[in-house]
Protein backbone atom coordinates (compact mmCIF):
# COMPACT_ATOMS: atom_id res chain seq x y z
CA UNK A 1 14.50 96.76 -47.82
CA UNK A 2 14.26 98.93 -50.35
CA UNK A 3 11.40 99.28 -53.25
CA UNK A 4 12.26 100.75 -56.48
CA UNK A 5 9.38 101.78 -58.22
CA UNK A 6 9.56 103.17 -62.18
CA UNK A 7 6.87 104.98 -63.25
CA UNK A 8 8.17 105.85 -66.92
CA UNK A 9 11.31 104.30 -69.09
CA UNK A 10 13.63 107.01 -70.51
CA UNK A 11 16.82 106.88 -72.04
CA UNK A 12 19.41 108.90 -70.82
CA UNK A 13 22.74 109.24 -72.63
CA UNK A 14 25.99 110.74 -70.38
CA UNK A 15 23.34 111.97 -68.04
CA UNK A 16 23.94 113.98 -64.69
CA UNK A 17 22.06 113.76 -61.10
CA UNK A 18 21.64 116.52 -58.94
CA UNK A 19 21.13 115.36 -55.12
CA UNK A 20 18.51 117.76 -53.65
CA UNK A 21 17.23 115.84 -50.81
CA UNK A 22 16.28 116.90 -47.03
CA UNK A 23 18.56 116.44 -43.92
CA UNK A 24 21.70 118.14 -44.62
CA UNK A 25 23.02 121.86 -42.77
CA UNK A 26 20.78 124.42 -43.72
CA UNK A 27 18.12 122.32 -45.79
CA UNK A 28 20.63 123.68 -49.09
CA UNK A 29 20.02 120.72 -50.92
CA UNK A 30 16.63 120.42 -50.56
CA UNK A 31 15.90 124.44 -51.46
CA UNK A 32 18.30 123.64 -54.73
CA UNK A 33 16.26 120.20 -55.57
CA UNK A 34 12.79 121.80 -55.09
CA UNK A 35 13.53 124.46 -56.93
CA UNK A 36 14.96 123.08 -59.76
CA UNK A 37 11.66 121.06 -60.22
CA UNK A 38 9.76 124.11 -59.63
CA UNK A 39 11.77 125.59 -62.42
CA UNK A 40 12.61 123.30 -64.90
CA UNK A 41 9.09 121.20 -64.61
CA UNK A 42 10.38 117.93 -64.83
CA UNK A 43 8.43 114.30 -64.85
CA UNK A 44 8.83 112.26 -61.85
CA UNK A 45 10.18 108.85 -63.27
CA UNK A 46 11.31 107.03 -59.70
CA UNK A 47 9.95 106.49 -56.61
CA UNK A 48 11.88 104.98 -53.90
CA UNK A 49 10.54 103.54 -50.51
CA UNK A 50 11.30 101.19 -47.61
CA UNK A 51 12.63 100.58 -43.96
CA UNK A 52 15.40 102.96 -44.57
CA UNK A 53 13.24 105.42 -44.05
CA UNK A 54 11.61 107.02 -40.60
CA UNK A 55 8.49 104.91 -40.06
CA UNK A 56 6.35 108.34 -40.08
CA UNK A 57 3.35 108.85 -42.78
CA UNK A 58 1.96 112.12 -43.78
CA UNK A 59 -1.65 112.83 -44.35
CA UNK A 60 -2.28 115.30 -47.34
CA UNK A 61 -5.12 117.60 -47.46
CA UNK A 62 -7.61 115.20 -48.94
CA UNK A 63 -6.70 112.93 -46.06
CA UNK A 64 -4.33 110.63 -48.44
CA UNK A 65 -1.69 108.96 -46.95
CA UNK A 66 1.81 108.80 -47.75
CA UNK A 67 5.12 107.21 -46.56
CA UNK A 68 8.24 108.73 -46.79
CA UNK A 69 10.03 108.35 -50.01
CA UNK A 70 12.87 109.32 -52.15
CA UNK A 71 12.13 110.37 -55.72
CA UNK A 72 13.84 110.97 -58.98
CA UNK A 73 12.66 113.13 -61.77
CA UNK A 74 13.88 113.88 -65.47
CA UNK A 75 14.65 116.57 -67.90
CA UNK A 76 16.07 117.23 -71.16
CA UNK A 77 17.98 121.19 -70.73
CA UNK A 78 19.49 122.26 -73.12
CA UNK A 79 20.56 118.76 -74.72
CA UNK A 80 21.88 117.17 -70.86
CA UNK A 81 19.82 114.72 -69.44
CA UNK A 82 19.11 115.93 -66.11
CA UNK A 83 18.08 113.69 -62.91
CA UNK A 84 16.67 115.05 -59.81
CA UNK A 85 16.98 113.46 -56.66
CA UNK A 86 14.59 114.87 -54.11
CA UNK A 87 13.01 113.57 -50.42
CA UNK A 88 12.23 115.03 -47.65
CA UNK A 89 15.10 113.55 -45.45
CA UNK A 90 17.76 110.64 -45.55
CA UNK A 91 17.86 107.41 -44.28
CA UNK A 92 17.83 107.75 -40.52
CA UNK A 93 21.02 105.64 -40.06
CA UNK A 94 24.64 104.69 -40.98
CA UNK A 95 23.21 101.25 -42.18
CA UNK A 96 19.97 102.56 -44.21
CA UNK A 97 22.15 105.19 -45.78
CA UNK A 98 25.00 103.09 -47.13
CA UNK A 99 21.83 100.68 -48.31
CA UNK A 100 20.54 103.58 -50.35
CA UNK A 101 23.79 104.85 -51.63
CA UNK A 102 24.73 101.17 -53.15
CA UNK A 103 21.25 100.28 -54.65
CA UNK A 104 21.00 104.05 -56.24
CA UNK A 105 24.18 103.98 -57.47
CA UNK A 106 23.18 100.70 -58.78
CA UNK A 107 20.13 102.02 -60.67
CA UNK A 108 21.91 105.27 -61.59
CA UNK A 109 24.43 103.02 -63.91
CA UNK A 110 21.94 101.14 -65.72
CA UNK A 111 19.95 104.07 -66.44
CA UNK A 112 23.11 106.17 -68.03
CA UNK A 113 24.06 108.37 -65.56
CA UNK A 114 27.74 109.41 -65.82
CA UNK A 115 28.21 112.30 -63.31
CA UNK A 116 26.50 112.69 -59.90
CA UNK A 117 26.79 115.77 -57.83
CA UNK A 118 25.30 115.88 -54.59
CA UNK A 119 25.60 119.63 -52.60
CA UNK A 120 25.09 120.73 -48.83
CA UNK A 121 26.54 123.26 -46.89
CA UNK A 122 29.59 124.17 -45.04
CA UNK A 123 29.51 125.49 -41.54
CA UNK A 124 31.27 128.64 -40.86
CA UNK A 125 29.16 130.31 -37.91
CA UNK A 126 27.35 132.57 -40.21
CA UNK A 127 25.70 133.02 -43.66
CA UNK A 128 27.83 135.49 -45.84
CA UNK A 129 26.63 137.94 -48.27
CA UNK A 130 28.31 136.36 -50.72
CA UNK A 131 28.35 132.48 -49.84
CA UNK A 132 31.86 130.72 -51.42
CA UNK A 133 31.21 127.22 -53.01
CA UNK A 134 33.63 124.55 -52.14
CA UNK A 135 33.99 121.46 -54.33
CA UNK A 136 35.54 118.30 -54.25
CA UNK A 137 34.90 115.47 -56.42
CA UNK A 138 36.28 111.66 -56.82
CA UNK A 139 39.47 112.60 -59.07
CA UNK A 140 41.41 115.33 -60.32
CA UNK A 141 40.34 115.80 -64.03
CA UNK A 142 36.74 116.65 -62.63
CA UNK A 143 38.34 119.14 -60.21
CA UNK A 144 40.60 121.02 -62.96
CA UNK A 145 37.43 120.44 -65.67
CA UNK A 146 34.91 121.90 -63.11
CA UNK A 147 37.36 124.61 -62.31
CA UNK A 148 38.23 125.84 -65.81
CA UNK A 149 34.49 126.45 -66.58
CA UNK A 150 33.49 128.28 -62.95
CA UNK A 151 36.70 130.11 -61.78
CA UNK A 152 35.58 131.02 -58.41
CA UNK A 153 34.82 127.14 -57.10
CA UNK A 154 37.73 126.96 -54.26
CA UNK A 155 39.48 123.93 -53.66
CA UNK A 156 40.81 124.36 -50.65
CA UNK A 157 38.46 122.52 -48.54
CA UNK A 158 40.15 119.64 -46.09
CA UNK A 159 37.07 118.05 -43.55
CA UNK A 160 34.19 115.38 -43.42
CA UNK A 161 31.04 115.14 -45.02
CA UNK A 162 28.20 113.24 -43.26
CA UNK A 163 25.51 111.63 -44.81
CA UNK A 164 24.48 111.07 -48.62
CA UNK A 165 26.20 114.51 -49.59
CA UNK A 166 29.69 112.90 -49.21
CA UNK A 167 28.58 109.24 -49.42
CA UNK A 168 27.19 109.10 -52.84
CA UNK A 169 30.32 111.12 -55.01
CA UNK A 170 32.47 109.14 -52.92
CA UNK A 171 31.14 105.69 -54.00
CA UNK A 172 30.20 106.42 -57.35
CA UNK A 173 33.84 105.74 -58.38
CA UNK A 174 33.42 101.85 -57.77
CA UNK A 175 30.68 102.28 -60.26
CA UNK A 176 33.19 104.00 -62.84
CA UNK A 177 30.98 107.08 -62.26
CA UNK A 178 32.52 110.42 -61.58
CA UNK A 179 31.46 112.28 -58.14
CA UNK A 180 31.63 115.62 -57.44
CA UNK A 181 29.98 117.76 -53.75
CA UNK A 182 29.42 121.01 -53.92
CA UNK A 183 29.73 122.90 -50.76
CA UNK A 184 27.81 126.58 -50.13
CA UNK A 185 29.26 128.57 -46.76
CA UNK A 186 26.35 128.89 -44.29
CA UNK A 187 25.05 128.91 -40.40
CA UNK A 188 25.00 125.18 -39.13
CA UNK A 189 21.79 126.04 -37.15
CA UNK A 190 19.44 123.24 -37.28
CA UNK A 191 16.93 126.17 -37.35
CA UNK A 192 18.47 128.25 -40.17
CA UNK A 193 17.84 128.22 -44.01
CA UNK A 194 20.40 128.66 -45.79
CA UNK A 195 18.79 130.29 -48.84
CA UNK A 196 21.86 132.06 -49.81
CA UNK A 197 24.37 129.18 -50.23
CA UNK A 198 21.78 127.61 -52.33
CA UNK A 199 21.12 130.33 -54.05
CA UNK A 200 25.48 130.25 -54.54
CA UNK A 201 25.34 126.29 -55.57
CA UNK A 202 22.70 127.07 -58.36
CA UNK A 203 24.43 129.83 -59.57
CA UNK A 204 27.52 127.68 -60.53
CA UNK A 205 25.68 125.30 -61.62
CA UNK A 206 24.33 127.66 -64.81
CA UNK A 207 27.70 128.39 -65.11
CA UNK A 208 28.88 124.82 -65.46
CA UNK A 209 26.13 123.59 -67.66
CA UNK A 210 24.79 126.79 -68.94
CA UNK A 211 21.56 126.03 -67.97
CA UNK A 212 19.95 130.22 -67.43
CA UNK A 213 17.39 128.90 -64.63
CA UNK A 214 15.88 132.08 -63.53
CA UNK A 215 16.91 132.48 -59.69
CA UNK A 216 14.16 135.93 -59.38
CA UNK A 217 12.30 133.70 -57.05
CA UNK A 218 14.87 132.47 -54.59
CA UNK A 219 16.15 136.03 -54.42
CA UNK A 220 12.72 137.70 -53.12
CA UNK A 221 12.68 134.79 -50.11
CA UNK A 222 16.24 135.60 -49.15
CA UNK A 223 15.23 139.39 -49.34
CA UNK A 224 12.15 138.42 -47.49
CA UNK A 225 13.73 135.92 -44.77
CA UNK A 226 16.48 138.85 -44.49
CA UNK A 227 13.71 141.32 -43.35
CA UNK A 228 12.27 138.33 -40.78
CA UNK A 229 16.00 138.22 -39.66
CA UNK A 230 16.04 141.54 -38.80
CA UNK A 231 13.04 142.41 -37.13
CA UNK A 232 13.40 139.35 -34.91
CA UNK A 233 16.65 141.15 -33.82
CA UNK A 234 14.85 144.18 -33.68
CA UNK A 235 12.32 142.21 -30.87
CA UNK A 236 15.21 140.97 -29.04
CA UNK A 237 17.11 144.30 -28.23
CA UNK A 238 13.74 145.53 -27.26
CA UNK A 239 13.38 142.65 -24.66
CA UNK A 240 16.75 143.34 -23.62
CA UNK A 241 16.70 146.75 -22.90
CA UNK A 242 13.13 146.06 -20.89
CA UNK A 243 15.09 143.58 -19.03
CA UNK A 244 17.78 146.56 -18.02
CA UNK A 245 15.13 148.69 -16.77
CA UNK A 246 14.10 146.05 -14.80
CA UNK A 247 17.14 146.07 -12.94
CA UNK A 248 17.87 147.37 -9.24
CA UNK A 249 20.05 149.99 -9.65
CA UNK A 250 23.42 149.24 -8.46
CA UNK A 251 24.85 149.32 -4.63
CA UNK A 252 28.40 149.67 -3.51
CA UNK A 253 28.92 148.24 -0.38
CA UNK A 254 32.51 148.06 0.68
């Protein structure tokens, strides 16, 4: 069962939804969603919850219980109606993801959303200094339109996309909506946080919609992450050297 709770009615014209839920590669989508909410200060208009999400609740610092939910925020940015979908995690199985996608697309169509943009990571085994951003869409017209606005978008992407990042834009066309997925190169390790990939996609969104969202705070996080990685690498190197010193001398028997 999926329950949709509307907190406020809004009038949306030619709106765009940005997908920013957790659980994806490098947590790139979640970083983007959380960052947009922090910088745009949008208003929460919808909560979605139900048995499609893991049976876990969180307890905040005031001992208040909170079930896992997905939330939709709204903000008008330079005459553009922007909706942001966020949540700690996606539905936990395939059936739940399809059910959530169908319900969400039906809701978005009624709200007046015309374009859905999902975000995520594309594993290349490491995260480069300047990650490439790949695009896939429901039709060639959308691809050409976005490519004209942002030349650095790459079209040479051919792979499978697991989860809502692929399902939502792919199924959007059955609701007469346009769907786009933006994937940034990243390291696909479950413990790795893809800050650089998130920044690359946010830069693309700034260019596509002329939002001028300040990315300085994210750049600071990237520098801090770089220092932490370098520190961890040095500690690992020191451990290896100590272990090498403890090894017995090599002898030759012949």
